[in-house]
């Protein structure tokens, strides 16, 4: 298909730094714990993908030489040219930076064509769909209308601005079962789900 994929892995299913801080864990320590969680997920994802025949390399922003490569931009780009998926874990390697910020940073560094943000809500709405049954999905948003009312799909200003400054559009979507899982052929509308955020409207 000619598609090169770099995955930025989160760790919220195991540990979130902010949640730890609410329970008395030092914020910096909690964030590092969250970064370790992303490495665990990265290794698990690599194992699954390679069993499916997809060559995958896990790269970590924190040195862990026995289990992951260090993130080096040129090496990551070389993996993609060699048809290997690249998985970026451990965030930026610094506390206080979210996985969204990491995704925006890596996409900007690697000159990605698009960021595809998988989340729990199928795009951005004019109001929170969890609270308002009449919420209307917004399929395209421009830089002049930063997303705000979409529950967990909202990006905080830093990663959003970083993407726009580097002309990297963002597609916010909810993962759906694949066409093969549903026993049907892919449909045209499957390719246009979610909300696209870009500099242009």
N, C-alpha and C. Protein backbone atom coordinates (compact mmCIF):
# COMPACT_ATOMS: atom_id res chain seq x y z
N UNK A 1 0.82 -1.21 0.00
CA UNK A 1 0.00 0.00 0.00
C UNK A 1 0.85 1.27 0.00
N UNK A 2 2.15 1.14 0.28
CA UNK A 2 3.01 2.32 0.31
C UNK A 2 2.80 3.19 1.53
N UNK A 3 2.26 2.62 2.60
CA UNK A 3 1.99 3.39 3.82
C UNK A 3 3.09 3.12 4.85
N UNK A 4 3.66 4.18 5.38
CA UNK A 4 4.67 4.08 6.43
C UNK A 4 4.03 4.54 7.74
N UNK A 5 4.13 3.70 8.78
CA UNK A 5 3.42 3.97 10.03
C UNK A 5 4.38 4.07 11.20
N UNK A 6 4.28 5.17 11.93
CA UNK A 6 4.98 5.32 13.20
C UNK A 6 3.93 5.44 14.29
N UNK A 7 3.97 4.55 15.26
CA UNK A 7 2.99 4.52 16.34
C UNK A 7 3.57 5.18 17.59
N UNK A 8 2.82 6.08 18.17
CA UNK A 8 3.21 6.69 19.45
C UNK A 8 2.30 6.08 20.51
N UNK A 9 2.90 5.39 21.46
CA UNK A 9 2.15 4.57 22.40
C UNK A 9 1.92 5.29 23.71
N UNK A 10 0.68 5.20 24.21
CA UNK A 10 0.36 5.72 25.53
C UNK A 10 0.42 4.60 26.57
N UNK A 11 0.20 4.95 27.81
CA UNK A 11 0.26 3.95 28.88
C UNK A 11 -0.84 4.08 29.89
N UNK A 12 -1.89 4.82 29.53
CA UNK A 12 -2.96 5.11 30.49
C UNK A 12 -3.71 3.90 30.98
N UNK A 13 -3.68 2.80 30.21
CA UNK A 13 -4.36 1.58 30.67
C UNK A 13 -3.61 0.93 31.84
N UNK A 14 -2.35 1.35 32.05
CA UNK A 14 -1.55 0.80 33.15
C UNK A 14 -1.37 1.85 34.26
N UNK A 15 -0.92 3.04 33.89
CA UNK A 15 -0.69 4.09 34.89
C UNK A 15 -0.67 5.45 34.22
N UNK A 16 -1.31 6.42 34.87
CA UNK A 16 -1.29 7.81 34.42
C UNK A 16 -0.63 8.68 35.48
N UNK A 17 0.31 9.49 35.07
CA UNK A 17 1.02 10.35 36.01
C UNK A 17 0.11 11.27 36.79
N UNK A 18 -0.88 11.86 36.11
CA UNK A 18 -1.78 12.79 36.79
C UNK A 18 -2.62 12.07 37.84
N UNK A 19 -3.05 10.85 37.53
CA UNK A 19 -3.83 10.10 38.51
C UNK A 19 -2.98 9.75 39.72
N UNK A 20 -1.71 9.43 39.47
CA UNK A 20 -0.81 9.15 40.58
C UNK A 20 -0.61 10.36 41.46
N UNK A 21 -0.53 11.54 40.84
CA UNK A 21 -0.35 12.78 41.60
C UNK A 21 -1.53 13.03 42.54
N UNK A 22 -2.73 12.66 42.06
CA UNK A 22 -3.92 12.84 42.90
C UNK A 22 -3.91 11.92 44.11
N UNK A 23 -3.13 10.84 44.02
CA UNK A 23 -3.04 9.89 45.12
C UNK A 23 -1.80 10.11 45.98
N UNK A 24 -1.13 11.22 45.74
CA UNK A 24 0.01 11.55 46.58
C UNK A 24 1.37 11.23 46.00
N UNK A 25 1.41 10.65 44.78
CA UNK A 25 2.69 10.36 44.14
C UNK A 25 3.27 11.67 43.60
N UNK A 26 4.56 11.88 43.80
CA UNK A 26 5.21 13.06 43.25
C UNK A 26 4.96 13.13 41.75
N UNK A 27 4.62 14.31 41.23
CA UNK A 27 4.23 14.43 39.82
C UNK A 27 5.34 13.96 38.88
N UNK A 28 6.57 14.34 39.14
CA UNK A 28 7.67 13.92 38.28
C UNK A 28 7.83 12.41 38.31
N UNK A 29 7.81 11.83 39.50
CA UNK A 29 7.91 10.38 39.64
C UNK A 29 6.75 9.68 38.93
N UNK A 30 5.55 10.21 39.09
CA UNK A 30 4.38 9.63 38.45
C UNK A 30 4.48 9.66 36.93
N UNK A 31 5.00 10.76 36.40
CA UNK A 31 5.15 10.84 34.95
C UNK A 31 6.16 9.82 34.43
N UNK A 32 7.23 9.62 35.17
CA UNK A 32 8.20 8.60 34.76
C UNK A 32 7.59 7.20 34.84
N UNK A 33 6.74 6.97 35.84
CA UNK A 33 6.05 5.68 35.92
C UNK A 33 5.15 5.50 34.70
N UNK A 34 4.49 6.57 34.29
CA UNK A 34 3.65 6.51 33.10
C UNK A 34 4.47 6.21 31.85
N UNK A 35 5.68 6.78 31.77
CA UNK A 35 6.54 6.50 30.62
C UNK A 35 6.92 5.03 30.56
N UNK A 36 7.20 4.43 31.71
CA UNK A 36 7.51 3.01 31.75
C UNK A 36 6.31 2.18 31.26
N UNK A 37 5.12 2.64 31.61
CA UNK A 37 3.91 1.94 31.15
C UNK A 37 3.81 1.96 29.63
N UNK A 38 4.23 3.07 29.00
CA UNK A 38 4.17 3.13 27.54
C UNK A 38 5.14 2.14 26.90
N UNK A 39 6.27 1.89 27.57
CA UNK A 39 7.23 0.92 27.03
C UNK A 39 6.64 -0.49 27.11
N UNK A 40 5.96 -0.80 28.21
CA UNK A 40 5.29 -2.10 28.33
C UNK A 40 4.30 -2.29 27.18
N UNK A 41 3.50 -1.25 26.92
CA UNK A 41 2.53 -1.34 25.83
C UNK A 41 3.23 -1.45 24.48
N UNK A 42 4.34 -0.74 24.32
CA UNK A 42 5.08 -0.81 23.07
C UNK A 42 5.60 -2.20 22.78
N UNK A 43 6.12 -2.87 23.80
CA UNK A 43 6.60 -4.24 23.64
C UNK A 43 5.46 -5.19 23.32
N UNK A 44 4.33 -5.00 24.00
CA UNK A 44 3.16 -5.86 23.74
C UNK A 44 2.67 -5.69 22.31
N UNK A 45 2.63 -4.43 21.85
CA UNK A 45 2.18 -4.16 20.49
C UNK A 45 3.15 -4.75 19.47
N UNK A 46 4.44 -4.61 19.73
CA UNK A 46 5.44 -5.19 18.84
C UNK A 46 5.23 -6.70 18.71
N UNK A 47 5.00 -7.38 19.83
CA UNK A 47 4.80 -8.82 19.81
C UNK A 47 3.59 -9.19 18.96
N UNK A 48 2.50 -8.44 19.13
CA UNK A 48 1.29 -8.72 18.35
C UNK A 48 1.51 -8.50 16.87
N UNK A 49 2.13 -7.37 16.52
CA UNK A 49 2.33 -7.04 15.10
C UNK A 49 3.27 -8.03 14.42
N UNK A 50 4.33 -8.43 15.12
CA UNK A 50 5.28 -9.34 14.49
C UNK A 50 4.68 -10.73 14.30
N UNK A 51 3.75 -11.12 15.17
CA UNK A 51 3.06 -12.39 14.97
C UNK A 51 2.13 -12.33 13.75
N UNK A 52 1.79 -11.09 13.34
CA UNK A 52 0.97 -10.88 12.15
C UNK A 52 1.84 -10.68 10.90
N UNK A 53 3.16 -10.76 11.09
CA UNK A 53 4.06 -10.61 9.96
C UNK A 53 4.51 -9.19 9.68
N UNK A 54 4.28 -8.26 10.63
CA UNK A 54 4.67 -6.87 10.45
C UNK A 54 5.96 -6.60 11.24
N UNK A 55 7.03 -6.34 10.54
CA UNK A 55 8.30 -6.05 11.20
C UNK A 55 8.16 -4.74 11.99
N UNK A 56 8.52 -4.76 13.26
CA UNK A 56 8.29 -3.61 14.13
C UNK A 56 9.53 -3.34 14.98
N UNK A 57 9.83 -2.08 15.17
CA UNK A 57 10.93 -1.67 16.03
C UNK A 57 10.39 -0.75 17.13
N UNK A 58 10.71 -1.09 18.38
CA UNK A 58 10.32 -0.24 19.51
C UNK A 58 11.48 0.69 19.83
N UNK A 59 11.18 1.98 19.86
CA UNK A 59 12.18 2.98 20.20
C UNK A 59 11.72 3.73 21.45
N UNK A 60 12.65 3.97 22.35
CA UNK A 60 12.32 4.61 23.62
C UNK A 60 13.07 5.92 23.77
N UNK A 61 12.38 6.93 24.28
CA UNK A 61 13.02 8.22 24.55
C UNK A 61 13.90 8.16 25.79
N UNK A 62 13.73 7.10 26.59
CA UNK A 62 14.57 6.85 27.76
C UNK A 62 15.42 5.62 27.45
N UNK A 63 16.74 5.70 27.61
CA UNK A 63 17.59 4.54 27.27
C UNK A 63 17.19 3.27 28.01
N UNK A 64 16.90 2.22 27.25
CA UNK A 64 16.59 0.89 27.78
C UNK A 64 17.16 -0.11 26.79
N UNK A 65 18.46 -0.13 26.66
CA UNK A 65 19.12 -0.80 25.55
C UNK A 65 18.81 -2.29 25.41
N UNK A 66 18.45 -2.94 26.51
CA UNK A 66 18.20 -4.37 26.42
C UNK A 66 16.82 -4.72 25.86
N UNK A 67 15.91 -3.75 25.86
CA UNK A 67 14.55 -4.05 25.41
C UNK A 67 14.06 -3.13 24.30
N UNK A 68 14.72 -2.00 24.08
CA UNK A 68 14.26 -1.07 23.05
C UNK A 68 15.43 -0.26 22.52
N UNK A 69 15.30 0.17 21.28
CA UNK A 69 16.30 1.06 20.70
C UNK A 69 16.10 2.48 21.24
N UNK A 70 17.16 3.26 21.33
CA UNK A 70 16.97 4.68 21.66
C UNK A 70 16.29 5.38 20.48
N UNK A 71 15.47 6.39 20.77
CA UNK A 71 14.85 7.10 19.65
C UNK A 71 15.88 8.01 19.02
N UNK A 72 16.22 7.70 17.78
CA UNK A 72 17.11 8.53 16.97
C UNK A 72 16.37 8.80 15.68
N UNK A 73 16.16 10.04 15.35
CA UNK A 73 15.30 10.39 14.23
C UNK A 73 15.71 9.69 12.94
N UNK A 74 16.97 9.76 12.59
CA UNK A 74 17.41 9.16 11.32
C UNK A 74 17.22 7.65 11.33
N UNK A 75 17.40 7.03 12.49
CA UNK A 75 17.19 5.58 12.56
C UNK A 75 15.71 5.25 12.38
N UNK A 76 14.85 6.05 13.01
CA UNK A 76 13.41 5.83 12.84
C UNK A 76 13.01 5.97 11.38
N UNK A 77 13.55 6.98 10.71
CA UNK A 77 13.22 7.17 9.30
C UNK A 77 13.75 6.00 8.46
N UNK A 78 14.92 5.48 8.81
CA UNK A 78 15.48 4.35 8.07
C UNK A 78 14.60 3.11 8.23
N UNK A 79 14.07 2.90 9.44
CA UNK A 79 13.18 1.76 9.65
C UNK A 79 11.97 1.86 8.73
N UNK A 80 11.41 3.06 8.61
CA UNK A 80 10.23 3.24 7.77
C UNK A 80 10.57 2.99 6.30
N UNK A 81 11.72 3.45 5.86
CA UNK A 81 12.12 3.22 4.47
C UNK A 81 12.31 1.74 4.19
N UNK A 82 12.65 0.98 5.22
CA UNK A 82 12.85 -0.46 5.07
C UNK A 82 11.58 -1.25 5.34
N UNK A 83 10.45 -0.57 5.32
CA UNK A 83 9.13 -1.20 5.48
C UNK A 83 8.92 -1.81 6.85
N UNK A 84 9.53 -1.22 7.86
CA UNK A 84 9.28 -1.67 9.23
C UNK A 84 8.46 -0.60 9.95
N UNK A 85 7.46 -1.00 10.71
CA UNK A 85 6.72 -0.05 11.52
C UNK A 85 7.59 0.37 12.70
N UNK A 86 7.50 1.64 13.07
CA UNK A 86 8.28 2.16 14.19
C UNK A 86 7.33 2.52 15.31
N UNK A 87 7.66 2.07 16.53
CA UNK A 87 6.83 2.33 17.70
C UNK A 87 7.62 3.20 18.67
N UNK A 88 7.12 4.40 18.94
CA UNK A 88 7.81 5.33 19.82
C UNK A 88 7.18 5.29 21.21
N UNK A 89 8.00 5.01 22.23
CA UNK A 89 7.49 4.90 23.59
C UNK A 89 8.28 5.78 24.54
N UNK A 90 7.85 5.82 25.80
CA UNK A 90 8.46 6.65 26.86
C UNK A 90 8.29 8.13 26.60
N UNK A 91 7.27 8.50 25.86
CA UNK A 91 6.96 9.90 25.64
C UNK A 91 8.11 10.67 25.03
N UNK A 92 8.31 11.90 25.51
CA UNK A 92 9.45 12.70 25.06
C UNK A 92 10.68 12.41 25.90
N UNK A 93 10.50 11.60 26.96
CA UNK A 93 11.59 11.33 27.89
C UNK A 93 11.65 12.33 29.03
N UNK A 94 10.67 13.24 29.05
CA UNK A 94 10.62 14.28 30.08
C UNK A 94 9.26 14.30 30.76
N UNK A 95 9.22 14.58 32.07
CA UNK A 95 7.93 14.69 32.74
C UNK A 95 7.18 15.94 32.28
N UNK A 96 5.90 15.98 32.57
CA UNK A 96 5.02 17.12 32.28
C UNK A 96 4.65 17.25 30.80
N UNK A 97 5.03 16.28 29.97
CA UNK A 97 4.66 16.31 28.56
C UNK A 97 3.77 15.10 28.26
N UNK A 98 2.65 15.34 27.60
CA UNK A 98 1.67 14.28 27.35
C UNK A 98 2.04 13.44 26.13
N UNK A 99 1.32 12.33 25.98
CA UNK A 99 1.49 11.50 24.78
C UNK A 99 1.08 12.26 23.54
N UNK A 100 0.07 13.12 23.65
CA UNK A 100 -0.32 13.94 22.50
C UNK A 100 0.81 14.84 22.05
N UNK A 101 1.52 15.43 23.01
CA UNK A 101 2.66 16.27 22.67
C UNK A 101 3.74 15.45 21.98
N UNK A 102 3.97 14.23 22.47
CA UNK A 102 4.95 13.35 21.84
C UNK A 102 4.55 13.05 20.40
N UNK A 103 3.29 12.75 20.18
CA UNK A 103 2.82 12.45 18.82
C UNK A 103 3.02 13.64 17.90
N UNK A 104 2.70 14.83 18.39
CA UNK A 104 2.88 16.04 17.59
C UNK A 104 4.36 16.28 17.29
N UNK A 105 5.21 16.05 18.29
CA UNK A 105 6.65 16.24 18.10
C UNK A 105 7.21 15.26 17.09
N UNK A 106 6.89 13.96 17.25
CA UNK A 106 7.41 12.96 16.33
C UNK A 106 6.89 13.18 14.90
N UNK A 107 5.63 13.54 14.77
CA UNK A 107 5.06 13.78 13.44
C UNK A 107 5.74 14.96 12.77
N UNK A 108 6.04 15.99 13.54
CA UNK A 108 6.70 17.17 12.99
C UNK A 108 8.14 16.84 12.61
N UNK A 109 8.83 16.09 13.46
CA UNK A 109 10.22 15.71 13.17
C UNK A 109 10.31 14.85 11.91
N UNK A 110 9.34 13.95 11.75
CA UNK A 110 9.39 12.98 10.67
C UNK A 110 8.63 13.43 9.42
N UNK A 111 8.11 14.66 9.45
CA UNK A 111 7.37 15.22 8.32
C UNK A 111 6.22 14.31 7.92
N UNK A 112 5.46 13.89 8.90
CA UNK A 112 4.33 12.99 8.64
C UNK A 112 3.25 13.68 7.81
N UNK A 113 2.53 12.89 7.02
CA UNK A 113 1.43 13.43 6.22
C UNK A 113 0.22 13.72 7.08
N UNK A 114 0.06 12.95 8.17
CA UNK A 114 -1.11 13.13 9.04
C UNK A 114 -0.87 12.41 10.37
N UNK A 115 -1.51 12.93 11.42
CA UNK A 115 -1.59 12.23 12.69
C UNK A 115 -2.99 11.64 12.80
N UNK A 116 -3.07 10.37 13.11
CA UNK A 116 -4.38 9.73 13.32
C UNK A 116 -4.50 9.42 14.80
N UNK A 117 -5.34 10.18 15.48
CA UNK A 117 -5.50 10.04 16.93
C UNK A 117 -6.71 9.17 17.24
N UNK A 118 -6.45 7.95 17.69
CA UNK A 118 -7.53 7.05 18.07
C UNK A 118 -7.98 7.36 19.49
N UNK A 119 -9.29 7.53 19.67
CA UNK A 119 -9.81 7.89 20.98
C UNK A 119 -11.18 7.24 21.20
N UNK A 120 -11.84 7.60 22.28
CA UNK A 120 -13.10 6.95 22.64
C UNK A 120 -14.31 7.57 21.96
N UNK A 121 -14.14 8.73 21.36
CA UNK A 121 -15.26 9.42 20.71
C UNK A 121 -14.95 9.53 19.22
N UNK A 122 -15.96 9.33 18.37
CA UNK A 122 -15.73 9.26 16.93
C UNK A 122 -15.62 10.64 16.28
N UNK A 123 -14.76 11.48 16.82
CA UNK A 123 -14.54 12.80 16.25
C UNK A 123 -14.84 13.91 17.24
N UNK A 124 -14.91 15.12 16.70
CA UNK A 124 -15.16 16.30 17.52
C UNK A 124 -16.58 16.80 17.27
N UNK A 125 -17.23 17.19 18.33
CA UNK A 125 -18.62 17.64 18.26
C UNK A 125 -18.72 19.10 18.70
N UNK A 126 -19.88 19.72 18.39
CA UNK A 126 -20.08 21.10 18.81
C UNK A 126 -20.32 21.23 20.31
N UNK A 127 -20.63 20.09 20.95
CA UNK A 127 -20.78 20.02 22.40
C UNK A 127 -20.49 18.59 22.83
N UNK A 128 -20.34 18.37 24.11
CA UNK A 128 -19.97 17.05 24.62
C UNK A 128 -21.07 16.03 24.31
N UNK A 129 -20.80 15.03 23.45
CA UNK A 129 -21.84 14.06 23.09
C UNK A 129 -22.25 13.16 24.25
N UNK A 130 -21.42 13.06 25.27
CA UNK A 130 -21.76 12.25 26.43
C UNK A 130 -22.83 12.92 27.29
N UNK A 131 -22.96 14.24 27.14
CA UNK A 131 -23.92 15.00 27.94
C UNK A 131 -25.08 15.55 27.13
N UNK A 132 -24.91 15.62 25.82
CA UNK A 132 -25.94 16.24 24.98
C UNK A 132 -26.29 15.31 23.81
N UNK A 133 -27.52 14.83 23.80
CA UNK A 133 -27.95 13.91 22.74
C UNK A 133 -28.01 14.58 21.38
N UNK A 134 -28.14 15.91 21.35
CA UNK A 134 -28.24 16.63 20.08
C UNK A 134 -26.90 17.15 19.60
N UNK A 135 -25.81 16.65 20.15
CA UNK A 135 -24.48 17.08 19.72
C UNK A 135 -24.27 16.77 18.24
N UNK A 136 -23.70 17.72 17.52
CA UNK A 136 -23.50 17.57 16.07
C UNK A 136 -22.02 17.32 15.78
N UNK A 137 -21.70 16.25 15.02
CA UNK A 137 -20.30 15.98 14.69
C UNK A 137 -19.75 17.02 13.72
N UNK A 138 -18.52 17.43 13.92
CA UNK A 138 -17.85 18.39 13.06
C UNK A 138 -16.76 17.64 12.29
N UNK A 139 -16.94 17.49 10.99
CA UNK A 139 -16.03 16.66 10.21
C UNK A 139 -14.73 17.37 9.83
N UNK A 140 -14.75 18.69 9.80
CA UNK A 140 -13.53 19.44 9.50
C UNK A 140 -13.45 20.66 10.42
N UNK A 141 -12.27 20.92 10.93
CA UNK A 141 -12.05 22.09 11.77
C UNK A 141 -10.77 22.78 11.31
N UNK A 142 -10.78 24.10 11.34
CA UNK A 142 -9.62 24.85 10.90
C UNK A 142 -8.85 25.39 12.09
N UNK A 143 -7.70 25.99 11.81
CA UNK A 143 -6.86 26.54 12.87
C UNK A 143 -7.55 27.65 13.64
N UNK A 144 -8.49 28.31 13.00
CA UNK A 144 -9.17 29.42 13.67
C UNK A 144 -10.23 28.96 14.65
N UNK A 145 -10.50 27.63 14.68
CA UNK A 145 -11.52 27.11 15.60
C UNK A 145 -10.97 25.88 16.31
N UNK A 146 -10.08 26.11 17.27
CA UNK A 146 -9.44 25.02 18.00
C UNK A 146 -10.48 24.17 18.70
N UNK A 147 -10.34 22.84 18.69
CA UNK A 147 -11.34 21.97 19.32
C UNK A 147 -11.47 22.24 20.80
N UNK A 148 -12.71 22.16 21.31
CA UNK A 148 -12.90 22.45 22.73
C UNK A 148 -13.91 21.53 23.38
N UNK A 149 -15.04 21.26 22.72
CA UNK A 149 -16.10 20.50 23.38
C UNK A 149 -16.24 19.12 22.78
N UNK A 150 -15.33 18.23 23.15
CA UNK A 150 -15.42 16.89 22.58
C UNK A 150 -14.95 15.84 23.56
N UNK A 151 -15.03 16.14 24.83
CA UNK A 151 -14.62 15.18 25.83
C UNK A 151 -13.17 14.81 25.68
N UNK A 152 -12.87 13.50 25.60
CA UNK A 152 -11.49 13.04 25.57
C UNK A 152 -10.81 13.30 24.24
N UNK A 153 -11.51 13.82 23.22
CA UNK A 153 -10.86 14.04 21.94
C UNK A 153 -10.12 15.37 21.91
N UNK A 154 -10.32 16.25 22.88
CA UNK A 154 -9.69 17.56 22.84
C UNK A 154 -8.19 17.45 23.05
N UNK A 155 -7.46 18.16 22.24
CA UNK A 155 -6.03 18.29 22.45
C UNK A 155 -5.78 19.60 23.17
N UNK A 156 -4.82 19.59 24.09
CA UNK A 156 -4.44 20.82 24.74
C UNK A 156 -3.67 21.68 23.74
N UNK A 157 -3.55 22.99 23.97
CA UNK A 157 -2.94 23.88 22.98
C UNK A 157 -1.55 23.50 22.49
N UNK A 158 -0.58 23.06 23.34
CA UNK A 158 0.77 22.82 22.81
C UNK A 158 0.85 21.85 21.63
N UNK A 159 0.31 20.61 21.73
CA UNK A 159 0.44 19.71 20.57
C UNK A 159 -0.35 20.18 19.37
N UNK A 160 -1.51 20.77 19.61
CA UNK A 160 -2.33 21.27 18.51
C UNK A 160 -1.58 22.35 17.74
N UNK A 161 -0.99 23.29 18.47
CA UNK A 161 -0.25 24.38 17.84
C UNK A 161 0.99 23.87 17.12
N UNK A 162 1.66 22.88 17.71
CA UNK A 162 2.86 22.32 17.09
C UNK A 162 2.53 21.71 15.74
N UNK A 163 1.42 20.98 15.68
CA UNK A 163 1.00 20.38 14.41
C UNK A 163 0.67 21.44 13.37
N UNK A 164 -0.08 22.45 13.78
CA UNK A 164 -0.47 23.49 12.83
C UNK A 164 0.74 24.26 12.34
N UNK A 165 1.69 24.55 13.24
CA UNK A 165 2.88 25.30 12.85
C UNK A 165 3.69 24.53 11.80
N UNK A 166 3.58 23.20 11.83
CA UNK A 166 4.35 22.37 10.90
C UNK A 166 3.48 21.74 9.82
N UNK A 167 2.26 22.25 9.69
CA UNK A 167 1.34 21.79 8.63
C UNK A 167 1.09 20.29 8.65
N UNK A 168 0.91 19.75 9.86
CA UNK A 168 0.56 18.34 10.01
C UNK A 168 -0.91 18.24 10.41
N UNK A 169 -1.79 17.80 9.54
CA UNK A 169 -3.20 17.67 9.92
C UNK A 169 -3.40 16.54 10.92
N UNK A 170 -4.51 16.61 11.66
CA UNK A 170 -4.83 15.63 12.69
C UNK A 170 -6.20 15.03 12.38
N UNK A 171 -6.28 13.72 12.38
CA UNK A 171 -7.57 13.05 12.23
C UNK A 171 -7.93 12.41 13.57
N UNK A 172 -9.01 12.87 14.18
CA UNK A 172 -9.49 12.32 15.45
C UNK A 172 -10.60 11.33 15.13
N UNK A 173 -10.46 10.09 15.57
CA UNK A 173 -11.44 9.08 15.21
C UNK A 173 -11.55 8.03 16.31
N UNK A 174 -12.63 7.26 16.23
CA UNK A 174 -12.84 6.14 17.13
C UNK A 174 -12.58 4.85 16.37
N UNK A 175 -11.65 3.99 16.84
CA UNK A 175 -11.38 2.75 16.13
C UNK A 175 -12.63 1.89 16.01
N UNK A 176 -12.79 1.30 14.84
CA UNK A 176 -13.92 0.41 14.58
C UNK A 176 -13.40 -0.96 14.18
N UNK A 177 -14.19 -2.02 14.37
CA UNK A 177 -13.76 -3.34 13.90
C UNK A 177 -13.48 -3.30 12.41
N UNK A 178 -12.43 -3.98 11.97
CA UNK A 178 -12.06 -3.98 10.56
C UNK A 178 -13.11 -4.63 9.70
N UNK A 179 -13.04 -4.31 8.41
CA UNK A 179 -14.01 -4.87 7.47
C UNK A 179 -13.96 -6.40 7.48
N UNK A 180 -12.75 -6.94 7.62
CA UNK A 180 -12.65 -8.40 7.63
C UNK A 180 -13.32 -8.99 8.86
N UNK A 181 -13.20 -8.29 10.00
CA UNK A 181 -13.83 -8.78 11.22
C UNK A 181 -15.34 -8.80 11.09
N UNK A 182 -15.89 -7.88 10.28
CA UNK A 182 -17.33 -7.79 10.13
C UNK A 182 -17.83 -8.59 8.93
N UNK A 183 -16.92 -9.26 8.22
CA UNK A 183 -17.31 -10.08 7.08
C UNK A 183 -17.86 -9.27 5.92
N UNK A 184 -17.33 -8.07 5.69
CA UNK A 184 -17.80 -7.25 4.59
C UNK A 184 -16.60 -6.57 3.92
N UNK A 185 -16.86 -6.00 2.73
CA UNK A 185 -15.84 -5.26 2.03
C UNK A 185 -15.74 -3.86 2.62
N UNK A 186 -14.55 -3.23 2.58
CA UNK A 186 -14.44 -1.85 3.08
C UNK A 186 -15.36 -0.92 2.32
N UNK A 187 -15.92 0.04 3.02
CA UNK A 187 -16.82 0.99 2.39
C UNK A 187 -16.14 2.34 2.27
N UNK A 188 -16.60 3.17 1.33
CA UNK A 188 -16.00 4.48 1.11
C UNK A 188 -16.10 5.33 2.37
N UNK A 189 -17.23 5.24 3.09
CA UNK A 189 -17.40 6.08 4.27
C UNK A 189 -16.45 5.71 5.40
N UNK A 190 -15.90 4.48 5.35
CA UNK A 190 -14.94 4.08 6.38
C UNK A 190 -13.71 4.96 6.35
N UNK A 191 -13.42 5.53 5.19
CA UNK A 191 -12.21 6.33 5.02
C UNK A 191 -12.42 7.78 5.45
N UNK A 192 -13.61 8.15 5.79
CA UNK A 192 -13.90 9.55 6.09
C UNK A 192 -14.55 9.71 7.47
N UNK A 193 -14.28 8.78 8.36
CA UNK A 193 -14.84 8.87 9.70
C UNK A 193 -13.99 9.83 10.53
N UNK A 194 -14.60 10.37 11.61
CA UNK A 194 -13.86 11.24 12.50
C UNK A 194 -13.86 12.69 12.08
N UNK A 195 -12.94 13.45 12.67
CA UNK A 195 -12.82 14.89 12.40
C UNK A 195 -11.40 15.20 12.00
N UNK A 196 -11.25 15.97 10.93
CA UNK A 196 -9.91 16.38 10.50
C UNK A 196 -9.64 17.82 10.94
N UNK A 197 -8.52 18.00 11.60
CA UNK A 197 -8.08 19.32 12.05
C UNK A 197 -6.89 19.74 11.22
N UNK A 198 -6.97 20.90 10.63
CA UNK A 198 -5.85 21.36 9.80
C UNK A 198 -5.83 22.88 9.77
N UNK A 199 -4.76 23.42 9.19
CA UNK A 199 -4.64 24.86 9.09
C UNK A 199 -5.73 25.44 8.18
N UNK A 200 -6.08 24.64 7.16
CA UNK A 200 -7.14 25.08 6.27
C UNK A 200 -8.48 24.51 6.73
N UNK A 201 -9.55 25.25 6.49
CA UNK A 201 -10.88 24.78 6.89
C UNK A 201 -11.40 23.74 5.92
